[in-house]
Protein backbone atom coordinates (compact mmCIF):
# COMPACT_ATOMS: atom_id res chain seq x y z
CA MET A 1 -9.04 107.00 -64.31
CA LYS A 2 -8.43 103.24 -64.67
CA LYS A 3 -6.24 102.35 -67.63
CA LEU A 4 -5.46 99.17 -69.52
CA THR A 5 -3.08 99.67 -72.40
CA LEU A 6 -4.97 97.72 -75.05
CA TRP A 7 -5.60 99.67 -78.32
CA SER A 8 -4.74 102.08 -81.34
CA ILE A 9 -6.03 105.08 -83.33
CA ALA A 10 -8.63 106.07 -85.92
CA THR A 11 -11.08 108.99 -86.76
CA ILE A 12 -14.45 109.21 -88.36
CA PHE A 13 -15.34 111.75 -90.98
CA MET A 14 -18.97 112.60 -91.35
CA LEU A 15 -22.18 112.09 -93.19
CA ALA A 16 -22.64 114.77 -95.75
CA LEU A 17 -25.29 117.26 -94.77
CA LEU A 18 -28.53 115.28 -94.86
CA SER A 19 -31.17 116.65 -97.24
CA GLY A 20 -34.36 118.18 -95.79
CA CYS A 21 -34.64 120.35 -92.73
CA SER A 22 -36.61 119.57 -89.60
CA ASN A 23 -40.25 120.47 -89.43
CA ASN A 24 -39.54 122.13 -86.11
CA THR A 25 -39.08 125.90 -86.27
CA PRO A 26 -35.49 126.81 -85.35
CA SER A 27 -34.99 128.81 -82.22
CA SER A 28 -33.31 132.25 -82.35
CA SER A 29 -29.75 130.77 -81.82
CA MET A 30 -30.06 128.44 -84.85
CA THR A 31 -28.95 129.51 -88.23
CA GLU A 32 -30.31 128.74 -91.71
CA SER A 33 -26.96 127.76 -93.21
CA THR A 34 -24.22 125.22 -92.70
CA LEU A 35 -21.81 126.07 -89.98
CA ASN A 36 -18.08 125.31 -89.83
CA GLY A 37 -16.84 123.84 -86.58
CA ALA A 38 -18.48 120.71 -84.99
CA LYS A 39 -21.08 118.29 -86.25
CA PHE A 40 -23.29 115.85 -84.23
CA THR A 41 -24.93 113.14 -86.24
CA PHE A 42 -27.63 111.10 -84.45
CA PHE A 43 -27.84 108.11 -86.83
CA ASP A 44 -31.19 106.36 -87.53
CA VAL A 45 -30.28 102.83 -86.37
CA GLY A 46 -33.80 101.73 -85.52
CA GLN A 47 -34.39 100.80 -81.90
CA GLY A 48 -30.78 101.39 -80.94
CA ASP A 49 -28.39 104.26 -80.40
CA SER A 50 -25.32 105.66 -82.22
CA THR A 51 -24.03 109.26 -82.41
CA LEU A 52 -21.08 110.55 -84.37
CA ILE A 53 -19.29 113.73 -83.17
CA GLN A 54 -16.72 115.49 -85.39
CA ALA A 55 -14.73 118.70 -85.43
CA ASP A 56 -13.33 120.39 -88.51
CA ASP A 57 -9.85 119.47 -87.44
CA GLY A 58 -10.65 115.83 -87.91
CA THR A 59 -11.29 114.83 -84.39
CA THR A 60 -13.91 112.09 -84.22
CA ILE A 61 -15.91 110.52 -81.41
CA LEU A 62 -18.42 107.70 -81.78
CA ILE A 63 -20.85 107.09 -78.90
CA ASP A 64 -22.42 103.62 -79.22
CA THR A 65 -22.83 101.49 -82.33
CA GLY A 66 -26.51 100.47 -82.77
CA ARG A 67 -28.19 97.11 -82.43
CA HIS A 68 -26.50 93.75 -82.87
CA ASP A 69 -29.22 92.72 -85.41
CA ASP A 70 -29.03 95.87 -87.43
CA ASN A 71 -25.58 96.87 -89.00
CA ARG A 72 -26.58 100.00 -90.86
CA ILE A 73 -24.11 102.02 -88.75
CA LEU A 74 -21.31 100.35 -90.75
CA THR A 75 -22.89 101.59 -93.97
CA TYR A 76 -23.20 105.12 -92.59
CA LEU A 77 -19.56 105.18 -91.60
CA GLU A 78 -18.48 103.78 -94.97
CA LYS A 79 -20.45 106.38 -97.00
CA ALA A 80 -19.01 109.00 -94.76
CA ASN A 81 -15.47 108.00 -95.78
CA ILE A 82 -14.50 107.45 -92.06
CA THR A 83 -10.79 106.78 -91.67
CA LYS A 84 -10.19 106.90 -87.89
CA ILE A 85 -11.94 107.19 -84.53
CA ASP A 86 -10.26 109.06 -81.60
CA LEU A 87 -12.73 107.91 -78.98
CA LEU A 88 -15.22 105.01 -79.10
CA LEU A 89 -17.49 105.56 -76.05
CA LEU A 90 -19.75 102.54 -75.30
CA THR A 91 -22.29 103.73 -72.69
CA HIS A 92 -23.28 100.33 -71.42
CA PRO A 93 -23.26 96.65 -72.58
CA HIS A 94 -26.79 96.24 -73.75
CA SER A 95 -26.95 94.89 -77.27
CA ASP A 96 -28.74 97.95 -78.81
CA HIS A 97 -25.85 100.13 -77.84
CA ILE A 98 -22.78 97.90 -78.33
CA GLY A 99 -24.21 95.76 -81.20
CA ASN A 100 -21.62 96.52 -83.84
CA ALA A 101 -18.75 97.65 -81.62
CA ASP A 102 -16.57 94.66 -82.32
CA LYS A 103 -16.78 95.37 -86.05
CA VAL A 104 -16.13 99.06 -85.54
CA ILE A 105 -13.08 98.35 -83.48
CA LYS A 106 -11.61 95.89 -86.00
CA GLN A 107 -12.29 98.25 -88.98
CA TYR A 108 -11.60 101.69 -87.52
CA LYS A 109 -9.13 100.97 -84.77
CA PRO A 110 -10.12 103.50 -82.18
CA LYS A 111 -7.30 105.31 -80.40
CA GLU A 112 -9.25 105.11 -77.10
CA ILE A 113 -12.16 103.06 -75.89
CA TRP A 114 -14.38 103.78 -72.87
CA MET A 115 -16.72 101.24 -71.26
CA ASP A 116 -18.31 101.34 -67.82
CA GLY A 117 -16.58 98.11 -66.62
CA LEU A 118 -19.72 96.14 -65.93
CA VAL A 119 -19.15 92.54 -66.78
CA PHE A 120 -22.17 91.39 -68.83
CA ASN A 121 -23.22 87.86 -69.77
CA SER A 122 -23.85 87.96 -73.46
CA SER A 123 -22.10 86.76 -76.64
CA ILE A 124 -22.18 90.28 -78.03
CA TYR A 125 -20.44 91.73 -75.00
CA GLU A 126 -17.87 88.90 -75.29
CA ARG A 127 -17.12 89.73 -78.92
CA VAL A 128 -16.66 93.43 -78.02
CA ILE A 129 -14.18 92.60 -75.26
CA ASP A 130 -12.33 90.13 -77.47
CA ALA A 131 -12.07 92.85 -80.25
CA ALA A 132 -10.88 95.38 -77.65
CA LEU A 133 -8.24 93.08 -76.20
CA ALA A 134 -6.92 92.28 -79.73
CA SER A 135 -6.58 95.99 -80.58
CA ASP A 136 -3.97 98.51 -79.55
CA ALA A 137 -6.40 101.08 -78.13
CA LYS A 138 -6.15 102.64 -74.67
CA TYR A 139 -8.91 101.39 -72.48
CA LYS A 140 -10.59 103.37 -69.65
CA GLU A 141 -13.45 102.90 -67.31
CA PRO A 142 -14.25 106.62 -66.34
CA ARG A 143 -15.93 107.69 -63.33
CA ARG A 144 -17.82 110.82 -62.25
CA GLY A 145 -15.73 114.03 -62.20
CA GLU A 146 -13.02 112.82 -64.54
CA LYS A 147 -12.15 114.98 -67.44
CA ALA A 148 -10.50 114.42 -70.87
CA THR A 149 -9.76 116.34 -73.96
CA PHE A 150 -10.00 115.17 -77.61
CA GLY A 151 -8.97 117.85 -80.06
CA PRO A 152 -11.42 120.82 -79.47
CA PHE A 153 -13.76 118.70 -77.45
CA GLY A 154 -13.75 118.72 -73.60
CA ILE A 155 -15.45 115.87 -71.76
CA GLN A 156 -16.49 115.57 -68.14
CA VAL A 157 -17.87 112.37 -66.85
CA LEU A 158 -21.14 112.82 -64.96
CA SER A 159 -21.89 109.20 -64.09
CA PRO A 160 -21.42 106.60 -62.79
CA ASP A 161 -19.65 107.27 -59.50
CA LYS A 162 -19.52 103.56 -58.89
CA LEU A 163 -21.22 100.58 -60.42
CA SER A 164 -24.60 99.34 -59.24
CA ASP A 165 -24.66 96.11 -61.37
CA ASN A 166 -27.64 97.55 -63.28
CA ALA A 167 -26.70 97.94 -66.88
CA ASN A 168 -28.92 100.90 -67.59
CA ASN A 169 -27.99 102.85 -64.55
CA ASP A 170 -24.27 102.07 -64.91
CA SER A 171 -24.32 103.95 -68.32
CA ILE A 172 -21.49 106.35 -68.84
CA ALA A 173 -22.96 109.88 -68.92
CA ILE A 174 -20.92 112.80 -70.19
CA ARG A 175 -21.05 116.54 -70.73
CA LEU A 176 -19.18 117.35 -73.94
CA THR A 177 -18.17 120.94 -74.73
CA TYR A 178 -17.13 122.69 -77.93
CA LYS A 179 -16.27 126.33 -77.53
CA ASP A 180 -19.39 127.86 -76.00
CA MET A 181 -21.61 124.89 -76.75
CA ALA A 182 -22.31 121.81 -74.66
CA ALA A 183 -24.08 118.50 -75.18
CA ILE A 184 -25.20 115.83 -72.60
CA PHE A 185 -25.19 112.10 -73.30
CA THR A 186 -26.56 109.75 -70.67
CA GLY A 187 -26.97 106.34 -72.40
CA ASP A 188 -29.92 104.54 -70.74
CA ALA A 189 -29.26 106.02 -67.25
CA GLU A 190 -32.58 106.29 -65.35
CA LYS A 191 -34.05 108.82 -62.92
CA GLY A 192 -32.02 107.64 -59.91
CA ARG A 193 -28.86 108.40 -61.72
CA GLU A 194 -30.26 111.64 -63.06
CA ARG A 195 -30.99 112.73 -59.51
CA GLU A 196 -27.34 111.87 -58.51
CA MET A 197 -26.03 113.94 -61.48
CA VAL A 198 -28.10 116.89 -60.36
CA ASP A 199 -27.07 116.53 -56.69
CA SER A 200 -23.40 116.15 -57.64
CA GLY A 201 -22.95 119.81 -58.24
CA LEU A 202 -21.38 119.20 -61.60
CA LYS A 203 -22.20 121.60 -64.47
CA LEU A 204 -25.17 120.18 -66.36
CA ASP A 205 -26.40 123.02 -68.57
CA ALA A 206 -26.16 122.25 -72.21
CA GLN A 207 -27.66 123.37 -75.57
CA ILE A 208 -28.04 119.74 -76.81
CA LEU A 209 -29.48 116.75 -74.94
CA ASP A 210 -29.44 113.19 -76.12
CA LEU A 211 -32.58 112.00 -74.40
CA GLY A 212 -31.95 109.11 -72.10
CA HIS A 213 -33.13 105.54 -72.77
CA HIS A 214 -34.65 106.36 -76.23
CA GLY A 215 -37.03 108.91 -74.71
CA SER A 216 -38.31 106.65 -71.94
CA SER A 217 -40.07 108.07 -68.86
CA THR A 218 -37.72 106.04 -66.78
CA SER A 219 -35.27 108.79 -67.67
CA ASN A 220 -35.63 112.51 -68.74
CA GLN A 221 -37.27 113.53 -65.55
CA PRO A 222 -38.45 117.19 -65.22
CA TYR A 223 -35.84 117.99 -62.59
CA PHE A 224 -33.08 116.79 -65.02
CA LEU A 225 -34.51 118.75 -67.90
CA ASP A 226 -34.63 121.81 -65.74
CA ALA A 227 -30.97 121.37 -64.71
CA VAL A 228 -29.79 120.83 -68.37
CA LYS A 229 -32.08 123.47 -69.95
CA PRO A 230 -31.45 122.17 -73.43
CA GLU A 231 -32.34 124.11 -76.52
CA VAL A 232 -32.54 120.93 -78.58
CA ALA A 233 -33.40 117.32 -77.62
CA VAL A 234 -32.92 114.23 -79.77
CA TYR A 235 -34.16 110.67 -79.09
CA SER A 236 -33.21 107.52 -81.01
CA ALA A 237 -35.96 104.96 -81.56
CA GLU A 238 -37.62 102.87 -84.20
CA LYS A 239 -40.90 103.89 -85.64
CA GLY A 240 -43.78 101.89 -84.00
CA ASN A 241 -41.32 100.21 -81.57
CA SER A 242 -42.93 97.91 -79.03
CA TYR A 243 -41.54 99.77 -76.06
CA GLY A 244 -43.70 102.80 -76.56
CA HIS A 245 -40.71 105.15 -77.07
CA PRO A 246 -40.80 108.03 -76.85
CA HIS A 247 -43.10 108.02 -73.85
CA ARG A 248 -46.00 110.36 -73.63
CA GLU A 249 -44.89 112.02 -70.41
CA VAL A 250 -41.47 112.92 -71.84
CA ILE A 251 -42.98 114.51 -74.93
CA GLN A 252 -45.25 116.61 -72.65
CA TRP A 253 -42.34 117.58 -70.36
CA LEU A 254 -40.35 118.74 -73.40
CA LYS A 255 -43.24 120.61 -74.83
CA ASP A 256 -43.93 122.31 -71.45
CA ARG A 257 -40.35 123.67 -71.53
CA ASP A 258 -40.39 124.73 -75.17
CA ILE A 259 -37.49 122.36 -76.01
CA LYS A 260 -37.23 121.70 -79.76
CA THR A 261 -37.44 117.89 -80.10
CA TYR A 262 -36.29 115.62 -82.90
CA GLY A 263 -36.62 111.80 -83.27
CA THR A 264 -35.01 109.34 -85.50
CA ASP A 265 -38.14 107.26 -85.65
CA VAL A 266 -39.97 109.89 -87.72
CA GLU A 267 -37.19 112.15 -89.05
CA GLY A 268 -34.43 109.72 -89.80
CA THR A 269 -30.88 110.73 -89.10
CA VAL A 270 -30.59 114.07 -87.30
CA THR A 271 -27.60 116.30 -87.86
CA ILE A 272 -26.71 119.28 -85.68
CA GLU A 273 -23.96 121.67 -86.70
CA THR A 274 -22.34 124.36 -84.60
CA ASP A 275 -19.65 126.97 -84.84
CA GLY A 276 -19.45 126.97 -81.03
CA LYS A 277 -22.06 129.71 -80.69
CA GLN A 278 -25.01 128.88 -82.92
CA LEU A 279 -26.83 125.69 -83.95
CA HIS A 280 -28.13 124.45 -87.27
CA VAL A 281 -30.41 121.29 -87.24
CA ALA A 282 -31.14 119.24 -90.36
CA THR A 283 -33.13 115.99 -90.67
CA GLU A 284 -33.09 113.22 -93.22
CA LYS A 285 -36.87 113.52 -93.73
CA SER A 286 -39.86 115.49 -92.42
CA GLY A 287 -41.75 114.22 -89.50
CA THR A 288 -43.19 115.28 -86.09
CA PRO A 289 -42.10 113.56 -82.88
CA ALA A 290 -45.04 112.01 -81.13
CA PRO A 291 -45.63 109.64 -78.20
CA GLY A 292 -45.31 105.87 -78.89
CA ASN A 293 -47.85 103.21 -77.97
CA ASP A 294 -48.49 103.32 -74.25
CA ASN A 295 -49.13 99.55 -74.31
CA GLY A 296 -45.50 99.00 -75.29
CA LYS A 297 -44.29 100.27 -71.92
CA GLN A 298 -45.09 96.88 -70.35
CA LYS A 299 -42.72 94.99 -72.69
CA THR A 300 -39.30 93.78 -71.42
CA GLU A 301 -36.90 96.38 -72.63
CA GLU A 302 -33.58 94.87 -71.73
CA PRO A 303 -32.37 91.47 -70.36
CA GLY A 304 -32.75 91.28 -66.63
CA GLU A 305 -35.44 93.96 -66.26
CA SER A 306 -38.43 92.77 -64.21
CA VAL A 307 -41.72 93.65 -65.97
CA PRO A 308 -44.81 91.59 -66.87
CA MET A 309 -44.49 89.16 -69.75
CA PRO A 310 -46.14 85.82 -70.92
CA ASP A 311 -45.59 82.75 -68.78
CA LYS A 312 -44.32 80.79 -71.86
CA ILE A 313 -43.10 81.69 -75.35
CA ASN A 314 -43.14 78.74 -77.80
CA ILE A 315 -40.43 79.65 -80.45
CA ASN A 316 -42.13 77.35 -82.92
CA THR A 317 -45.43 79.20 -82.87
CA ALA A 318 -44.84 82.62 -81.37
CA THR A 319 -45.49 85.83 -83.35
CA VAL A 320 -42.82 88.45 -84.18
CA GLU A 321 -44.12 90.49 -81.20
CA GLN A 322 -44.15 87.65 -78.75
CA LEU A 323 -40.58 86.56 -79.65
CA GLN A 324 -39.38 90.05 -78.80
CA TYR A 325 -40.13 89.36 -75.15
CA LEU A 326 -37.01 87.09 -75.21
CA PRO A 327 -33.72 88.65 -74.06
CA SER A 328 -31.79 90.44 -76.82
CA ILE A 329 -34.34 89.51 -79.48
CA GLY A 330 -35.48 92.50 -81.61
CA PRO A 331 -37.67 92.50 -84.77
CA VAL A 332 -34.93 91.36 -87.17
CA LEU A 333 -33.87 88.41 -85.06
CA ALA A 334 -37.56 87.58 -84.49
CA ASP A 335 -38.09 87.33 -88.21
CA LYS A 336 -35.07 85.17 -88.59
CA ILE A 337 -36.30 82.80 -85.85
CA ILE A 338 -39.57 82.45 -87.65
CA ALA A 339 -37.86 81.74 -90.99
CA GLU A 340 -35.81 78.87 -89.54
CA ARG A 341 -38.60 76.92 -87.80
CA PRO A 342 -39.09 74.25 -86.52
CA TYR A 343 -36.73 73.93 -83.58
CA ARG A 344 -36.24 70.74 -81.49
CA SER A 345 -34.51 72.62 -78.64
CA ILE A 346 -33.62 76.10 -77.45
CA ASP A 347 -30.04 75.43 -78.45
CA ASP A 348 -31.17 75.14 -82.05
CA LEU A 349 -31.47 79.01 -82.01
CA LYS A 350 -27.68 79.15 -82.37
CA LYS A 351 -28.05 78.37 -86.09
CA ILE A 352 -29.46 81.94 -86.51
CA ASN A 353 -26.91 84.43 -87.62
CA GLY A 354 -26.73 86.99 -84.78
CA ILE A 355 -27.69 84.51 -82.03
CA GLY A 356 -24.71 83.06 -80.18
CA GLN A 357 -24.25 81.06 -76.97
CA GLY A 358 -24.46 84.18 -74.77
CA ILE A 359 -27.99 85.02 -76.04
CA VAL A 360 -29.09 81.42 -75.78
CA ARG A 361 -27.86 81.43 -72.21
CA GLN A 362 -29.95 84.51 -71.43
CA ILE A 363 -33.01 82.94 -73.02
CA LYS A 364 -32.65 79.77 -71.01
CA ALA A 365 -32.00 81.68 -67.84
CA GLN A 366 -35.24 83.68 -68.41
CA GLY A 367 -37.07 80.41 -68.37
CA LYS A 368 -39.92 81.47 -70.69
CA ALA A 369 -38.95 79.94 -73.98
CA THR A 370 -40.19 76.51 -74.99
CA VAL A 371 -40.32 74.45 -78.26
CA LYS A 372 -43.70 72.82 -77.52
């Protein structure tokens, strides 16, 4: 495993048990009461991703940190009285996964930080790297087959074997174990990587599955679901998001396999507790996961992906929805862009809090934005 001695320590306590249970009927291995042991908190961070994993001995792992234009993860961690993080795992450098990582690093000083090693051209990525270099944390770029232990948690890396220069597919995917329980996290890795994981021969069965790519059908293929055989699946997405997450096919594939499914878009933060043998699931609010708008599947999901979009986007007249076709621009930044009109040049976008030189470079490189 590649090492750079860069960083220091910290742990994350946990959100108190969220009120309200899921509308899903628990399976036979789930209990009705709080369990002592480990806790998985899938935070509601809108159209982003962030999961907190804790053991009762104080070991804490944070996987991803939500969107760059939505810092509610910081509020969650503060309310949870977090004091340190043992491992900060950043699956891949897209802004909806590493958006607040620089702030988390500075405030909670992780003992160890994992990234996939893909160099990414964005101001958000640059801020994260700067924060990492300025810290005392140990830095790793793990590859398939490598193993690590953090307190009672065991981790085996499932992917990548080597980088492909595709941010989604280079996501760090892991199988995390706690006693007799296991959980799979794959970031935004898509079906090609899922096939590689299945063909690798590594153990994939797990009771908990964090659905890949926010419940997209580019991931979560039937052969992967059949290899993992999860009891519970969770996806992180924003209600009414323009990507159509979760996709209709995925919801049907899960239903066909009788996999209990929870979504942050309709149920808020999802908490799973385990004593190492049984599961207890609680949700922030009641809701029923359902397919998103199929039309959203044509929208650009990440910088660099090739999908249909308008020929030109006038930032002085475009709607919130149209502005979100620009790289790294979500609904919050789109609203800010509209509020600061008019613009004389694309460079004027840098006056928006949350838009730096890196995002402006991406927008220019895309070649769709105009001011007239």
